[in-house]
Each structure stands twice: as C-alpha cells, then as structure tokens.
C-alpha cells in the first residue's frame, strides 16, 4: 500500500511540476514579446504560419460611390491573383517588373489595411517606432496606448510614411492615423472595428472616418 501511495504522490508531483513549468514558459514567452509582437499576437499572428492562402475583397464607399477589388494571396509561394469585374491578373511577388508594379502597389495597400498588425512584425526592420503608454485617441478621445511607426526614406511604395496606432490593454487596434511623409498632421484617421475570427486570424473588417462619408471594409474573407 505504501508503494502505491508513494507512486501516486510522485505522479502528482510530476503533473503539478509540468503544469507549473508550462505556466512559467508561457509567462517567459509573453515577457519576451516586444510591443510590435504583442499587437500582432493579439490578432492571432501565431496562426499565420498555418495559412496556405487568404482571399479578400477590398471595398471603399465614399459618399455615393463604391469601389472594390478582390485578391487571392498564397503567402508561402508569394503568388497573387488580382480580380475585378473586368480582369484577372496573376503574378508572383518575387518577380515584379514595371508592367505589374501598379497592380502590386494596390495589393500592398489593401493587404496592409487587412493585416497591419502582422505587418508590424514583418516590417519591423524597415521602420523606427515609439510606444506611448497614455495618449488621447483622435476619434473616440479615449485614453489609450499609442504606437508610432515611421518607415525609412528608401524602398517600398510609400517611403517615409508614418502611422499612429491606438489600442487598449488587450493590444487590439481601435483607431489609427496615417501621416504621409511623416508630416505632423494626419492625412487620414479611421476606426478599427467589426473584428472577426476567420481561420484563427482575428481581423478588423471595418474602418470608418469621423464624418461618416467614408467606409473601408472587407468582404468575402477566406483563410485556408
């Protein structure tokens, strides 16, 4: 009986020790994340490695006009398919030439709106950043954390541009401001809302301006 009791106690100790170790490992991982990674992981970035393809339609409603275009991206191969009502274009981002550069610039823009939290990790060698723990958000006027990133003056389609991200303690972006060429005044300020979990990715699918005459949003989002 004593042998069984000793075995049980040893087993219980090992299980408890394993659980404690896992908790400590998780805390260690969390502590190692920088502010860019914390925002990305708050939006499901840990699942991106499993994504084979992502399809989405980029929509803009301004006053009474509507614009849309659809993309299919296979990130591992970097294959892109551009689709509109008039045309379909396929290309690989490893082989961009002058004939496809304008199309690719559209893809980079639309992808950035959808996956900006992930771009913070992908692009972190391309910009400088500053984290402010308390700042007034421009739309809601709420007190939030603020992350400012400024891209370098060389490379990319919009060198030198700056973005201000506003978010709470959950690290999910709620508002952002775009400043072309790092100018002091924003060129555009929109909300980040209507978050949806699609294929384990947490994505904001709606962006609105304060005047109510502009909406940028995503439909037909599919993740495989």
Protein backbone atom coordinates (compact mmCIF):
# COMPACT_ATOMS: atom_id res chain seq x y z
CA UNK A 1 0.00 0.00 0.00
CA UNK A 2 2.88 2.32 0.84
CA UNK A 3 4.38 1.69 -2.59
CA UNK A 4 1.11 2.72 -4.31
CA UNK A 5 0.86 5.81 -2.13
CA UNK A 6 4.44 6.79 -2.94
CA UNK A 7 3.85 6.21 -6.66
CA UNK A 8 0.68 8.33 -6.57
CA UNK A 9 2.45 11.19 -4.77
CA UNK A 10 5.35 11.09 -7.23
CA UNK A 11 2.97 11.12 -10.20
CA UNK A 12 1.01 14.01 -8.68
CA UNK A 13 4.22 15.94 -8.13
CA UNK A 14 5.31 15.39 -11.75
CA UNK A 15 1.94 16.56 -13.13
CA UNK A 16 1.97 19.65 -10.93
CA UNK A 17 5.57 20.37 -11.85
CA UNK A 18 4.76 20.08 -15.59
CA UNK A 19 1.80 22.46 -15.26
CA UNK A 20 3.91 24.95 -13.32
CA UNK A 21 6.67 24.70 -15.92
CA UNK A 22 4.20 25.33 -18.76
CA UNK A 23 2.82 28.40 -16.97
CA UNK A 24 6.33 29.70 -16.44
CA UNK A 25 7.22 29.05 -20.09
CA UNK A 26 4.12 30.96 -21.22
CA UNK A 27 4.98 33.88 -18.96
CA UNK A 28 8.55 33.85 -20.25
CA UNK A 29 7.30 33.97 -23.86
CA UNK A 30 4.94 36.84 -23.04
CA UNK A 31 7.74 38.78 -21.36
CA UNK A 32 9.98 38.35 -24.41
CA UNK A 33 7.44 39.83 -26.84
CA UNK A 34 8.10 43.43 -27.79
CA UNK A 35 5.24 45.89 -28.33
CA UNK A 36 5.08 45.12 -32.06
CA UNK A 37 4.75 41.40 -31.41
CA UNK A 38 2.19 41.89 -28.65
CA UNK A 39 -0.13 43.68 -31.09
CA UNK A 40 0.42 41.02 -33.78
CA UNK A 41 -0.20 38.11 -31.40
CA UNK A 42 -3.34 39.79 -30.04
CA UNK A 43 -4.70 39.38 -33.56
CA UNK A 44 -3.88 35.70 -33.97
CA UNK A 45 -0.44 36.04 -35.53
CA UNK A 46 0.67 32.72 -34.04
CA UNK A 47 -1.67 31.00 -36.53
CA UNK A 48 -0.28 32.75 -39.61
CA UNK A 49 2.31 30.01 -40.11
CA UNK A 50 -0.55 27.64 -40.97
CA UNK A 51 -2.07 29.85 -43.66
CA UNK A 52 -1.82 28.46 -47.18
CA UNK A 53 -3.98 31.11 -48.81
CA UNK A 54 -6.05 34.17 -47.96
CA UNK A 55 -8.72 35.69 -50.20
CA UNK A 56 -10.44 39.02 -49.59
CA UNK A 57 -12.38 41.80 -51.30
CA UNK A 58 -11.26 45.33 -50.51
CA UNK A 59 -14.20 47.78 -50.55
CA UNK A 60 -14.37 51.56 -50.28
CA UNK A 61 -17.62 53.53 -50.00
CA UNK A 62 -17.11 57.29 -50.29
CA UNK A 63 -20.24 59.43 -50.36
CA UNK A 64 -22.35 57.70 -53.05
CA UNK A 65 -19.50 55.92 -54.88
CA UNK A 66 -18.35 52.31 -54.42
CA UNK A 67 -15.03 50.72 -55.32
CA UNK A 68 -13.90 47.13 -54.88
CA UNK A 69 -11.23 44.66 -55.92
CA UNK A 70 -10.50 41.09 -54.88
CA UNK A 71 -7.21 39.40 -54.09
CA UNK A 72 -6.06 35.83 -53.58
CA UNK A 73 -2.65 35.52 -51.93
CA UNK A 74 -0.65 32.38 -51.29
CA UNK A 75 1.99 33.75 -48.89
CA UNK A 76 4.34 30.75 -48.83
CA UNK A 77 4.86 30.89 -52.59
CA UNK A 78 4.06 34.64 -52.77
CA UNK A 79 1.62 34.05 -55.62
CA UNK A 80 -1.01 36.77 -56.07
CA UNK A 81 -4.20 36.80 -58.14
CA UNK A 82 -5.90 40.17 -58.75
CA UNK A 83 -9.59 40.05 -59.66
CA UNK A 84 -12.06 42.73 -60.75
CA UNK A 85 -15.27 42.56 -62.77
CA UNK A 86 -13.21 43.38 -65.88
CA UNK A 87 -9.97 41.49 -65.48
CA UNK A 88 -7.90 38.82 -63.69
CA UNK A 89 -4.13 39.09 -63.31
CA UNK A 90 -1.80 36.50 -61.76
CA UNK A 91 1.80 37.16 -60.75
CA UNK A 92 4.50 36.24 -58.25
CA UNK A 93 5.86 38.90 -55.92
CA UNK A 94 9.39 37.58 -56.34
CA UNK A 95 9.33 38.76 -59.96
CA UNK A 96 7.88 42.29 -60.04
CA UNK A 97 8.50 44.32 -63.19
CA UNK A 98 7.23 47.66 -64.49
CA UNK A 99 4.15 46.09 -66.05
CA UNK A 100 2.88 44.71 -62.74
CA UNK A 101 4.22 47.33 -60.31
CA UNK A 102 0.99 49.38 -60.22
CA UNK A 103 -1.10 46.26 -59.55
CA UNK A 104 1.30 45.15 -56.83
CA UNK A 105 1.13 48.59 -55.19
CA UNK A 106 -2.63 48.11 -54.92
CA UNK A 107 -2.12 44.68 -53.37
CA UNK A 108 0.35 46.06 -50.80
CA UNK A 109 -2.10 48.83 -49.87
CA UNK A 110 -5.11 46.54 -49.48
CA UNK A 111 -3.14 43.85 -47.63
CA UNK A 112 -1.78 46.48 -45.25
CA UNK A 113 -5.28 47.58 -44.29
CA UNK A 114 -6.27 43.99 -43.55
CA UNK A 115 -3.07 42.72 -41.93
CA UNK A 116 -1.42 45.80 -40.42
CA UNK A 117 -0.95 44.11 -37.00
CA UNK A 118 1.10 41.41 -38.75
CA UNK A 119 2.99 43.95 -40.85
CA UNK A 120 4.37 45.33 -37.59
CA UNK A 121 6.33 42.08 -37.28
CA UNK A 122 7.08 41.60 -40.98
CA UNK A 123 8.31 45.18 -41.48
CA UNK A 124 9.98 45.86 -38.14
CA UNK A 125 13.41 46.15 -39.76
CA UNK A 126 12.04 48.82 -42.12
CA UNK A 127 10.79 51.42 -39.63
CA UNK A 128 11.53 53.11 -36.33
CA UNK A 129 8.90 53.00 -33.61
CA UNK A 130 7.90 54.76 -30.41
CA UNK A 131 5.47 53.43 -27.79
CA UNK A 132 3.49 55.84 -25.61
CA UNK A 133 1.54 54.28 -22.76
CA UNK A 134 -1.01 57.08 -22.46
CA UNK A 135 -2.38 59.22 -25.30
CA UNK A 136 -5.73 60.60 -26.42
CA UNK A 137 -7.18 58.70 -29.37
CA UNK A 138 -8.22 61.11 -32.16
CA UNK A 139 -11.73 59.74 -32.84
CA UNK A 140 -13.09 58.50 -29.52
CA UNK A 141 -10.99 60.91 -27.40
CA UNK A 142 -10.40 57.97 -25.06
CA UNK A 143 -7.14 57.44 -23.24
CA UNK A 144 -5.25 54.62 -24.99
CA UNK A 145 -1.78 53.35 -25.69
CA UNK A 146 -0.15 54.71 -28.84
CA UNK A 147 2.41 53.19 -31.18
CA UNK A 148 4.01 55.39 -33.83
CA UNK A 149 5.99 53.84 -36.67
CA UNK A 150 7.94 55.76 -39.32
CA UNK A 151 9.18 53.95 -42.42
CA UNK A 152 12.62 54.63 -43.86
CA UNK A 153 13.08 57.05 -46.75
CA UNK A 154 14.18 54.36 -49.17
CA UNK A 155 12.41 51.30 -50.55
CA UNK A 156 8.75 50.36 -50.69
CA UNK A 157 5.92 52.16 -52.44
CA UNK A 158 5.44 54.91 -49.83
CA UNK A 159 8.83 55.65 -48.22
CA UNK A 160 8.94 57.92 -45.18
CA UNK A 161 5.27 57.46 -44.24
CA UNK A 162 4.14 57.28 -40.62
CA UNK A 163 1.29 55.50 -38.81
CA UNK A 164 -0.10 56.09 -35.33
CA UNK A 165 -1.85 53.06 -33.82
CA UNK A 166 -4.17 53.45 -30.81
CA UNK A 167 -5.08 50.44 -28.68
CA UNK A 168 -6.15 49.30 -25.22
CA UNK A 169 -4.66 46.85 -22.76
CA UNK A 170 -5.77 43.96 -24.98
CA UNK A 171 -3.40 45.28 -27.70
CA UNK A 172 -6.14 45.28 -30.32
CA UNK A 173 -6.01 48.32 -32.57
CA UNK A 174 -9.08 50.55 -32.21
CA UNK A 175 -8.02 53.58 -34.26
CA UNK A 176 -5.15 54.67 -36.45
CA UNK A 177 -3.84 57.74 -38.25
CA UNK A 178 -1.84 57.86 -41.46
CA UNK A 179 0.67 60.68 -41.98
CA UNK A 180 2.21 60.87 -45.45
CA UNK A 181 5.93 61.59 -45.34
CA UNK A 182 5.77 61.78 -41.54
CA UNK A 183 4.08 65.16 -41.69
CA UNK A 184 2.69 66.43 -38.35
CA UNK A 185 -1.00 66.43 -39.32
CA UNK A 186 -2.77 63.16 -40.28
CA UNK A 187 -3.92 62.65 -43.86
CA UNK A 188 -6.46 60.07 -42.71
CA UNK A 189 -7.87 58.83 -39.40
CA UNK A 190 -10.16 55.80 -39.21
CA UNK A 191 -11.55 53.34 -36.72
CA UNK A 192 -10.66 49.66 -36.49
CA UNK A 193 -13.82 47.69 -35.77
CA UNK A 194 -16.05 44.72 -36.58
CA UNK A 195 -13.37 42.20 -35.59
CA UNK A 196 -13.98 38.67 -36.87
CA UNK A 197 -12.14 35.41 -36.29
CA UNK A 198 -11.53 33.86 -39.70
CA UNK A 199 -9.37 30.76 -39.91
CA UNK A 200 -7.99 31.52 -36.43
CA UNK A 201 -6.92 35.01 -37.56
CA UNK A 202 -8.56 37.93 -35.72
CA UNK A 203 -9.15 40.64 -38.31
CA UNK A 204 -10.78 44.05 -38.22
CA UNK A 205 -13.11 44.15 -41.22
CA UNK A 206 -14.41 47.73 -40.98
CA UNK A 207 -12.75 51.16 -40.92
CA UNK A 208 -14.73 54.41 -40.70
CA UNK A 209 -13.91 58.10 -40.73
CA UNK A 210 -15.47 60.52 -38.28
CA UNK A 211 -17.67 62.31 -40.85
CA UNK A 212 -19.50 59.09 -41.77
CA UNK A 213 -18.96 59.61 -45.50
CA UNK A 214 -16.13 57.10 -45.81
CA UNK A 215 -16.06 53.37 -45.11
CA UNK A 216 -13.28 50.97 -45.98
CA UNK A 217 -14.17 47.36 -45.34
CA UNK A 218 -13.51 43.74 -46.26
CA UNK A 219 -15.92 41.11 -47.52
CA UNK A 220 -15.53 37.54 -48.70
CA UNK A 221 -12.56 36.90 -46.44
CA UNK A 222 -11.45 33.26 -46.68
CA UNK A 223 -8.44 31.74 -44.95
CA UNK A 224 -7.14 28.26 -45.72
